[in-house]
């Protein structure tokens, strides 16, 4: 079982590099934002795998905080791209 978790950990870390490439080279701002969202999801997956492998469940709290901040950032950017002010 540990071997499978290590394979999934390395796979997710590799996929993070593809997301970083899209964040840097994305042709439009929405493409970059989607890549940032996917990167956040991958980081949460990495946190969960690390929590299971190391038996330190506080790492899941870090993942939850990361995904909440990512969600707020997505909402803020969507509102900005929609042409509205942030306090509307």
PDB file of N, CA and C in Angstrom:
ATOM      1  N   UNK A   1       0.821  -1.197   0.000  1.00  0.00           N
ATOM      2  CA  UNK A   1       0.000   0.000   0.000  1.00  0.00           C
ATOM      3  C   UNK A   1       0.867   1.264   0.000  1.00  0.00           C
ATOM      4  N   UNK A   2       1.964   1.241   0.754  1.00  0.00           N
ATOM      5  CA  UNK A   2       2.839   2.410   0.785  1.00  0.00           C
ATOM      6  C   UNK A   2       3.444   2.694  -0.581  1.00  0.00           C
ATOM      7  N   UNK A   3       3.747   1.638  -1.328  1.00  0.00           N
ATOM      8  CA  UNK A   3       4.323   1.808  -2.663  1.00  0.00           C
ATOM      9  C   UNK A   3       3.353   2.568  -3.565  1.00  0.00           C
ATOM     10  N   UNK A   4       2.074   2.228  -3.474  1.00  0.00           N
ATOM     11  CA  UNK A   4       1.054   2.907  -4.272  1.00  0.00           C
ATOM     12  C   UNK A   4       0.970   4.390  -3.896  1.00  0.00           C
ATOM     13  N   UNK A   5       1.032   4.675  -2.593  1.00  0.00           N
ATOM     14  CA  UNK A   5       0.957   6.069  -2.155  1.00  0.00           C
ATOM     15  C   UNK A   5       2.165   6.869  -2.623  1.00  0.00           C
ATOM     16  N   UNK A   6       3.337   6.253  -2.603  1.00  0.00           N
ATOM     17  CA  UNK A   6       4.527   6.957  -3.109  1.00  0.00           C
ATOM     18  C   UNK A   6       4.418   7.217  -4.610  1.00  0.00           C
ATOM     19  N   UNK A   7       3.888   6.268  -5.353  1.00  0.00           N
ATOM     20  CA  UNK A   7       3.706   6.463  -6.794  1.00  0.00           C
ATOM     21  C   UNK A   7       2.728   7.616  -7.037  1.00  0.00           C
ATOM     22  N   UNK A   8       1.636   7.649  -6.286  1.00  0.00           N
ATOM     23  CA  UNK A   8       0.656   8.719  -6.452  1.00  0.00           C
ATOM     24  C   UNK A   8       1.239  10.075  -6.037  1.00  0.00           C
ATOM     25  N   UNK A   9       2.074  10.069  -5.008  1.00  0.00           N
ATOM     26  CA  UNK A   9       2.724  11.306  -4.575  1.00  0.00           C
ATOM     27  C   UNK A   9       3.627  11.861  -5.670  1.00  0.00           C
ATOM     28  N   UNK A  10       4.459  11.013  -6.239  1.00  0.00           N
ATOM     29  CA  UNK A  10       5.351  11.459  -7.313  1.00  0.00           C
ATOM     30  C   UNK A  10       4.571  11.872  -8.554  1.00  0.00           C
ATOM     31  N   UNK A  11       3.484  11.182  -8.845  1.00  0.00           N
ATOM     32  CA  UNK A  11       2.661  11.541  -9.994  1.00  0.00           C
ATOM     33  C   UNK A  11       2.048  12.927  -9.806  1.00  0.00           C
ATOM     34  N   UNK A  12       1.545  13.196  -8.609  1.00  0.00           N
ATOM     35  CA  UNK A  12       0.943  14.506  -8.369  1.00  0.00           C
ATOM     36  C   UNK A  12       1.986  15.615  -8.388  1.00  0.00           C
ATOM     37  N   UNK A  13       3.172  15.336  -7.877  1.00  0.00           N
ATOM     38  CA  UNK A  13       4.236  16.339  -7.945  1.00  0.00           C
ATOM     39  C   UNK A  13       4.602  16.613  -9.403  1.00  0.00           C
ATOM     40  N   UNK A  14       4.650  15.578 -10.226  1.00  0.00           N
ATOM     41  CA  UNK A  14       4.920  15.771 -11.649  1.00  0.00           C
ATOM     42  C   UNK A  14       3.834  16.574 -12.337  1.00  0.00           C
ATOM     43  N   UNK A  15       2.585  16.321 -11.975  1.00  0.00           N
ATOM     44  CA  UNK A  15       1.484  17.082 -12.564  1.00  0.00           C
ATOM     45  C   UNK A  15       1.517  18.541 -12.131  1.00  0.00           C
ATOM     46  N   UNK A  16       2.064  18.810 -10.958  1.00  0.00           N
ATOM     47  CA  UNK A  16       2.214  20.203 -10.510  1.00  0.00           C
ATOM     48  C   UNK A  16       3.114  20.987 -11.456  1.00  0.00           C
ATOM     49  N   UNK A  17       4.135  20.323 -12.001  1.00  0.00           N
ATOM     50  CA  UNK A  17       5.018  21.015 -12.943  1.00  0.00           C
ATOM     51  C   UNK A  17       4.277  21.388 -14.225  1.00  0.00           C
ATOM     52  N   UNK A  18       3.364  20.520 -14.692  1.00  0.00           N
ATOM     53  CA  UNK A  18       2.562  20.870 -15.861  1.00  0.00           C
ATOM     54  C   UNK A  18       1.667  22.072 -15.570  1.00  0.00           C
ATOM     55  N   UNK A  19       1.102  22.119 -14.361  1.00  0.00           N
ATOM     56  CA  UNK A  19       0.273  23.268 -13.993  1.00  0.00           C
ATOM     57  C   UNK A  19       1.105  24.535 -13.908  1.00  0.00           C
ATOM     58  N   UNK A  20       2.301  24.443 -13.355  1.00  0.00           N
ATOM     59  CA  UNK A  20       3.176  25.615 -13.297  1.00  0.00           C
ATOM     60  C   UNK A  20       3.527  26.118 -14.684  1.00  0.00           C
ATOM     61  N   UNK A  21       3.725  25.196 -15.625  1.00  0.00           N
ATOM     62  CA  UNK A  21       3.994  25.595 -17.003  1.00  0.00           C
ATOM     63  C   UNK A  21       2.805  26.370 -17.573  1.00  0.00           C
ATOM     64  N   UNK A  22       1.587  25.887 -17.314  1.00  0.00           N
ATOM     65  CA  UNK A  22       0.397  26.562 -17.837  1.00  0.00           C
ATOM     66  C   UNK A  22       0.188  27.901 -17.135  1.00  0.00           C
ATOM     67  N   UNK A  23       0.545  28.001 -15.869  1.00  0.00           N
ATOM     68  CA  UNK A  23       0.425  29.274 -15.155  1.00  0.00           C
ATOM     69  C   UNK A  23       1.367  30.309 -15.764  1.00  0.00           C
ATOM     70  N   UNK A  24       2.564  29.887 -16.102  1.00  0.00           N
ATOM     71  CA  UNK A  24       3.552  30.816 -16.655  1.00  0.00           C
ATOM     72  C   UNK A  24       3.265  31.132 -18.111  1.00  0.00           C
ATOM     73  N   UNK A  25       2.933  30.137 -18.919  1.00  0.00           N
ATOM     74  CA  UNK A  25       2.795  30.311 -20.363  1.00  0.00           C
ATOM     75  C   UNK A  25       1.349  30.375 -20.851  1.00  0.00           C
ATOM     76  N   UNK A  26       0.372  30.401 -19.930  1.00  0.00           N
ATOM     77  CA  UNK A  26      -1.025  30.400 -20.346  1.00  0.00           C
ATOM     78  C   UNK A  26      -1.346  31.551 -21.276  1.00  0.00           C
ATOM     79  N   UNK A  27      -2.074  31.298 -22.347  1.00  0.00           N
ATOM     80  CA  UNK A  27      -2.330  32.383 -23.298  1.00  0.00           C
ATOM     81  C   UNK A  27      -3.272  33.459 -22.744  1.00  0.00           C
ATOM     82  N   UNK A  28      -4.189  33.086 -21.856  1.00  0.00           N
ATOM     83  CA  UNK A  28      -5.124  34.076 -21.323  1.00  0.00           C
ATOM     84  C   UNK A  28      -5.159  33.974 -19.802  1.00  0.00           C
ATOM     85  N   UNK A  29      -5.727  34.983 -19.188  1.00  0.00           N
ATOM     86  CA  UNK A  29      -5.841  34.996 -17.731  1.00  0.00           C
ATOM     87  C   UNK A  29      -6.762  33.873 -17.226  1.00  0.00           C
ATOM     88  N   UNK A  30      -7.908  33.604 -17.872  1.00  0.00           N
ATOM     89  CA  UNK A  30      -8.730  32.477 -17.394  1.00  0.00           C
ATOM     90  C   UNK A  30      -7.995  31.126 -17.468  1.00  0.00           C
ATOM     91  N   UNK A  31      -7.169  30.929 -18.497  1.00  0.00           N
ATOM     92  CA  UNK A  31      -6.384  29.696 -18.563  1.00  0.00           C
ATOM     93  C   UNK A  31      -5.434  29.586 -17.380  1.00  0.00           C
ATOM     94  N   UNK A  32      -4.833  30.675 -17.029  1.00  0.00           N
ATOM     95  CA  UNK A  32      -3.920  30.678 -15.881  1.00  0.00           C
ATOM     96  C   UNK A  32      -4.669  30.421 -14.585  1.00  0.00           C
ATOM     97  N   UNK A  33      -5.869  30.977 -14.465  1.00  0.00           N
ATOM     98  CA  UNK A  33      -6.649  30.773 -13.237  1.00  0.00           C
ATOM     99  C   UNK A  33      -7.093  29.330 -13.093  1.00  0.00           C
ATOM    100  N   UNK A  34      -7.471  28.699 -14.186  1.00  0.00           N
ATOM    101  CA  UNK A  34      -7.822  27.282 -14.131  1.00  0.00           C
ATOM    102  C   UNK A  34      -6.615  26.453 -13.706  1.00  0.00           C
ATOM    103  N   UNK A  35      -5.447  26.796 -14.221  1.00  0.00           N
ATOM    104  CA  UNK A  35      -4.230  26.082 -13.831  1.00  0.00           C
ATOM    105  C   UNK A  35      -3.921  26.294 -12.351  1.00  0.00           C
ATOM    106  N   UNK A  36      -4.167  27.482 -11.841  1.00  0.00           N
ATOM    107  CA  UNK A  36      -3.951  27.739 -10.415  1.00  0.00           C
ATOM    108  C   UNK A  36      -4.916  26.914  -9.571  1.00  0.00           C
ATOM    109  N   UNK A  37      -6.170  26.794 -10.013  1.00  0.00           N
ATOM    110  CA  UNK A  37      -7.141  25.962  -9.290  1.00  0.00           C
ATOM    111  C   UNK A  37      -6.719  24.494  -9.280  1.00  0.00           C
ATOM    112  N   UNK A  38      -6.303  23.999 -10.427  1.00  0.00           N
ATOM    113  CA  UNK A  38      -5.867  22.606 -10.501  1.00  0.00           C
ATOM    114  C   UNK A  38      -4.624  22.390  -9.646  1.00  0.00           C
ATOM    115  N   UNK A  39      -3.719  23.372  -9.641  1.00  0.00           N
ATOM    116  CA  UNK A  39      -2.531  23.293  -8.796  1.00  0.00           C
ATOM    117  C   UNK A  39      -2.925  23.197  -7.323  1.00  0.00           C
ATOM    118  N   UNK A  40      -3.921  23.990  -6.913  1.00  0.00           N
ATOM    119  CA  UNK A  40      -4.401  23.930  -5.534  1.00  0.00           C
ATOM    120  C   UNK A  40      -4.980  22.577  -5.179  1.00  0.00           C
ATOM    121  N   UNK A  41      -5.718  21.994  -6.094  1.00  0.00           N
ATOM    122  CA  UNK A  41      -6.290  20.661  -5.859  1.00  0.00           C
ATOM    123  C   UNK A  41      -5.182  19.628  -5.731  1.00  0.00           C
ATOM    124  N   UNK A  42      -4.162  19.735  -6.574  1.00  0.00           N
ATOM    125  CA  UNK A  42      -3.039  18.801  -6.486  1.00  0.00           C
ATOM    126  C   UNK A  42      -2.274  18.960  -5.173  1.00  0.00           C
ATOM    127  N   UNK A  43      -2.122  20.193  -4.706  1.00  0.00           N
ATOM    128  CA  UNK A  43      -1.429  20.414  -3.434  1.00  0.00           C
ATOM    129  C   UNK A  43      -2.215  19.800  -2.280  1.00  0.00           C
ATOM    130  N   UNK A  44      -3.531  19.909  -2.317  1.00  0.00           N
ATOM    131  CA  UNK A  44      -4.348  19.290  -1.278  1.00  0.00           C
ATOM    132  C   UNK A  44      -4.202  17.772  -1.328  1.00  0.00           C
ATOM    133  N   UNK A  45      -4.160  17.204  -2.524  1.00  0.00           N
ATOM    134  CA  UNK A  45      -3.931  15.759  -2.650  1.00  0.00           C
ATOM    135  C   UNK A  45      -2.581  15.352  -2.095  1.00  0.00           C
ATOM    136  N   UNK A  46      -1.570  16.161  -2.350  1.00  0.00           N
ATOM    137  CA  UNK A  46      -0.237  15.882  -1.820  1.00  0.00           C
ATOM    138  C   UNK A  46      -0.261  15.954  -0.292  1.00  0.00           C
ATOM    139  N   UNK A  47      -0.969  16.926   0.254  1.00  0.00           N
ATOM    140  CA  UNK A  47      -1.071  17.047   1.714  1.00  0.00           C
ATOM    141  C   UNK A  47      -1.745  15.820   2.323  1.00  0.00           C
ATOM    142  N   UNK A  48      -2.782  15.332   1.687  1.00  0.00           N
ATOM    143  CA  UNK A  48      -3.483  14.150   2.208  1.00  0.00           C
ATOM    144  C   UNK A  48      -2.583  12.922   2.157  1.00  0.00           C
ATOM    145  N   UNK A  49      -1.887  12.733   1.050  1.00  0.00           N
ATOM    146  CA  UNK A  49      -0.992  11.578   0.939  1.00  0.00           C
ATOM    147  C   UNK A  49       0.122  11.668   1.980  1.00  0.00           C
ATOM    148  N   UNK A  50       0.690  12.857   2.154  1.00  0.00           N
ATOM    149  CA  UNK A  50       1.737  13.021   3.170  1.00  0.00           C
ATOM    150  C   UNK A  50       1.194  12.780   4.574  1.00  0.00           C
ATOM    151  N   UNK A  51      -0.034  13.189   4.834  1.00  0.00           N
ATOM    152  CA  UNK A  51      -0.636  12.958   6.148  1.00  0.00           C
ATOM    153  C   UNK A  51      -0.811  11.467   6.415  1.00  0.00           C
ATOM    154  N   UNK A  52      -1.213  10.729   5.402  1.00  0.00           N
ATOM    155  CA  UNK A  52      -1.389   9.285   5.568  1.00  0.00           C
ATOM    156  C   UNK A  52      -0.041   8.593   5.734  1.00  0.00           C
ATOM    157  N   UNK A  53       0.941   8.999   4.952  1.00  0.00           N
ATOM    158  CA  UNK A  53       2.253   8.348   5.025  1.00  0.00           C
ATOM    159  C   UNK A  53       2.983   8.630   6.337  1.00  0.00           C
ATOM    160  N   UNK A  54       2.829   9.834   6.873  1.00  0.00           N
ATOM    161  CA  UNK A  54       3.584  10.209   8.069  1.00  0.00           C
ATOM    162  C   UNK A  54       2.771  10.111   9.361  1.00  0.00           C
ATOM    163  N   UNK A  55       1.492   9.803   9.266  1.00  0.00           N
ATOM    164  CA  UNK A  55       0.586   9.735  10.425  1.00  0.00           C
ATOM    165  C   UNK A  55       0.516  11.062  11.183  1.00  0.00           C
ATOM    166  N   UNK A  56       0.620  12.152  10.464  1.00  0.00           N
ATOM    167  CA  UNK A  56       0.474  13.490  11.055  1.00  0.00           C
ATOM    168  C   UNK A  56      -0.728  14.155  10.396  1.00  0.00           C
ATOM    169  N   UNK A  57      -1.851  14.085  11.060  1.00  0.00           N
ATOM    170  CA  UNK A  57      -3.105  14.522  10.467  1.00  0.00           C
ATOM    171  C   UNK A  57      -3.265  16.038  10.411  1.00  0.00           C
ATOM    172  N   UNK A  58      -2.376  16.785  11.073  1.00  0.00           N
ATOM    173  CA  UNK A  58      -2.476  18.244  10.997  1.00  0.00           C
ATOM    174  C   UNK A  58      -2.154  18.749   9.596  1.00  0.00           C
ATOM    175  N   UNK A  59      -1.508  17.919   8.787  1.00  0.00           N
ATOM    176  CA  UNK A  59      -1.193  18.326   7.409  1.00  0.00           C
ATOM    177  C   UNK A  59      -2.483  18.488   6.604  1.00  0.00           C
ATOM    178  N   UNK A  60      -3.509  17.750   6.955  1.00  0.00           N
ATOM    179  CA  UNK A  60      -4.799  17.899   6.275  1.00  0.00           C
ATOM    180  C   UNK A  60      -5.369  19.289   6.538  1.00  0.00           C
ATOM    181  N   UNK A  61      -5.146  19.829   7.731  1.00  0.00           N
ATOM    182  CA  UNK A  61      -5.594  21.200   8.030  1.00  0.00           C
ATOM    183  C   UNK A  61      -4.924  22.210   7.109  1.00  0.00           C
ATOM    184  N   UNK A  62      -3.665  21.993   6.818  1.00  0.00           N
ATOM    185  CA  UNK A  62      -2.959  22.868   5.885  1.00  0.00           C
ATOM    186  C   UNK A  62      -3.611  22.798   4.507  1.00  0.00           C
ATOM    187  N   UNK A  63      -3.960  21.602   4.077  1.00  0.00           N
ATOM    188  CA  UNK A  63      -4.634  21.438   2.789  1.00  0.00           C
ATOM    189  C   UNK A  63      -5.988  22.125   2.752  1.00  0.00           C
ATOM    190  N   UNK A  64      -6.729  22.031   3.850  1.00  0.00           N
ATOM    191  CA  UNK A  64      -8.042  22.682   3.909  1.00  0.00           C
ATOM    192  C   UNK A  64      -7.886  24.202   3.835  1.00  0.00           C
ATOM    193  N   UNK A  65      -6.915  24.738   4.561  1.00  0.00           N
ATOM    194  CA  UNK A  65      -6.680  26.184   4.507  1.00  0.00           C
ATOM    195  C   UNK A  65      -6.279  26.607   3.094  1.00  0.00           C
ATOM    196  N   UNK A  66      -5.445  25.807   2.430  1.00  0.00           N
ATOM    197  CA  UNK A  66      -5.009  26.115   1.067  1.00  0.00           C
ATOM    198  C   UNK A  66      -6.208  26.173   0.118  1.00  0.00           C
ATOM    199  N   UNK A  67      -7.118  25.206   0.219  1.00  0.00           N
ATOM    200  CA  UNK A  67      -8.236  25.146  -0.725  1.00  0.00           C
ATOM    201  C   UNK A  67      -9.229  26.277  -0.455  1.00  0.00           C
ATOM    202  N   UNK A  68      -9.377  26.696   0.808  1.00  0.00           N
ATOM    203  CA  UNK A  68     -10.259  27.820   1.103  1.00  0.00           C
ATOM    204  C   UNK A  68      -9.691  29.104   0.504  1.00  0.00           C
ATOM    205  N   UNK A  69      -8.388  29.326   0.661  1.00  0.00           N
ATOM    206  CA  UNK A  69      -7.765  30.512   0.066  1.00  0.00           C
ATOM    207  C   UNK A  69      -7.834  30.474  -1.460  1.00  0.00           C
ATOM    208  N   UNK A  70      -7.679  29.300  -2.034  1.00  0.00           N
ATOM    209  CA  UNK A  70      -7.773  29.160  -3.484  1.00  0.00           C
ATOM    210  C   UNK A  70      -9.186  29.495  -3.967  1.00  0.00           C
ATOM    211  N   UNK A  71     -10.180  29.059  -3.228  1.00  0.00           N
ATOM    212  CA  UNK A  71     -11.569  29.340  -3.587  1.00  0.00           C
ATOM    213  C   UNK A  71     -11.855  30.832  -3.531  1.00  0.00           C
ATOM    214  N   UNK A  72     -11.389  31.490  -2.480  1.00  0.00           N
ATOM    215  CA  UNK A  72     -11.599  32.936  -2.353  1.00  0.00           C
ATOM    216  C   UNK A  72     -10.888  33.682  -3.486  1.00  0.00           C
ATOM    217  N   UNK A  73      -9.681  33.239  -3.821  1.00  0.00           N
ATOM    218  CA  UNK A  73      -8.966  33.862  -4.927  1.00  0.00           C
ATOM    219  C   UNK A  73      -9.678  33.678  -6.252  1.00  0.00           C
ATOM    220  N   UNK A  74     -10.256  32.512  -6.474  1.00  0.00           N
ATOM    221  CA  UNK A  74     -11.002  32.254  -7.706  1.00  0.00           C
ATOM    222  C   UNK A  74     -12.229  33.147  -7.800  1.00  0.00           C
ATOM    223  N   UNK A  75     -12.944  33.270  -6.701  1.00  0.00           N
ATOM    224  CA  UNK A  75     -14.118  34.151  -6.709  1.00  0.00           C
ATOM    225  C   UNK A  75     -13.736  35.602  -6.972  1.00  0.00           C
ATOM    226  N   UNK A  76     -12.633  36.032  -6.375  1.00  0.00           N
ATOM    227  CA  UNK A  76     -12.181  37.409  -6.564  1.00  0.00           C
ATOM    228  C   UNK A  76     -11.790  37.661  -8.015  1.00  0.00           C
ATOM    229  N   UNK A  77     -11.047  36.745  -8.600  1.00  0.00           N
ATOM    230  CA  UNK A  77     -10.635  36.934  -9.994  1.00  0.00           C
ATOM    231  C   UNK A  77     -11.829  36.862 -10.940  1.00  0.00           C
ATOM    232  N   UNK A  78     -12.776  35.971 -10.667  1.00  0.00           N
ATOM    233  CA  UNK A  78     -13.966  35.881 -11.519  1.00  0.00           C
ATOM    234  C   UNK A  78     -14.770  37.176 -11.464  1.00  0.00           C
ATOM    235  N   UNK A  79     -14.863  37.754 -10.292  1.00  0.00           N
ATOM    236  CA  UNK A  79     -15.582  39.014 -10.171  1.00  0.00           C
ATOM    237  C   UNK A  79     -14.844  40.131 -10.908  1.00  0.00           C
ATOM    238  N   UNK A  80     -13.531  40.140 -10.788  1.00  0.00           N
ATOM    239  CA  UNK A  80     -12.721  41.153 -11.489  1.00  0.00           C
ATOM    240  C   UNK A  80     -12.835  41.001 -12.995  1.00  0.00           C
ATOM    241  N   UNK A  81     -12.764  39.755 -13.491  1.00  0.00           N
ATOM    242  CA  UNK A  81     -12.862  39.543 -14.926  1.00  0.00           C
ATOM    243  C   UNK A  81     -14.263  39.822 -15.453  1.00  0.00           C
ATOM    244  N   UNK A  82     -15.254  39.726 -14.575  1.00  0.00           N
ATOM    245  CA  UNK A  82     -16.635  40.050 -14.956  1.00  0.00           C
ATOM    246  C   UNK A  82     -16.892  41.533 -15.060  1.00  0.00           C
ATOM    247  N   UNK A  83     -15.916  42.354 -14.704  1.00  0.00           N
ATOM    248  CA  UNK A  83     -16.039  43.789 -14.831  1.00  0.00           C
ATOM    249  C   UNK A  83     -16.641  44.471 -13.607  1.00  0.00           C
ATOM    250  N   UNK A  84     -16.813  43.726 -12.531  1.00  0.00           N
ATOM    251  CA  UNK A  84     -17.377  44.320 -11.314  1.00  0.00           C
ATOM    252  C   UNK A  84     -16.255  44.702 -10.367  1.00  0.00           C
ATOM    253  N   UNK A  85     -16.572  45.664  -9.501  1.00  0.00           N
ATOM    254  CA  UNK A  85     -15.632  46.012  -8.451  1.00  0.00           C
ATOM    255  C   UNK A  85     -15.695  44.956  -7.358  1.00  0.00           C
ATOM    256  N   UNK A  86     -14.657  44.894  -6.559  1.00  0.00           N
ATOM    257  CA  UNK A  86     -14.585  43.836  -5.545  1.00  0.00           C
ATOM    258  C   UNK A  86     -15.565  44.051  -4.400  1.00  0.00           C
ATOM    259  N   UNK A  87     -16.041  45.279  -4.190  1.00  0.00           N
ATOM    260  CA  UNK A  87     -16.981  45.510  -3.094  1.00  0.00           C
ATOM    261  C   UNK A  87     -18.444  45.515  -3.551  1.00  0.00           C
ATOM    262  N   UNK A  88     -18.702  45.150  -4.791  1.00  0.00           N
ATOM    263  CA  UNK A  88     -20.089  45.052  -5.287  1.00  0.00           C
ATOM    264  C   UNK A  88     -20.732  43.756  -4.853  1.00  0.00           C
TER     265      UNK A  88
END
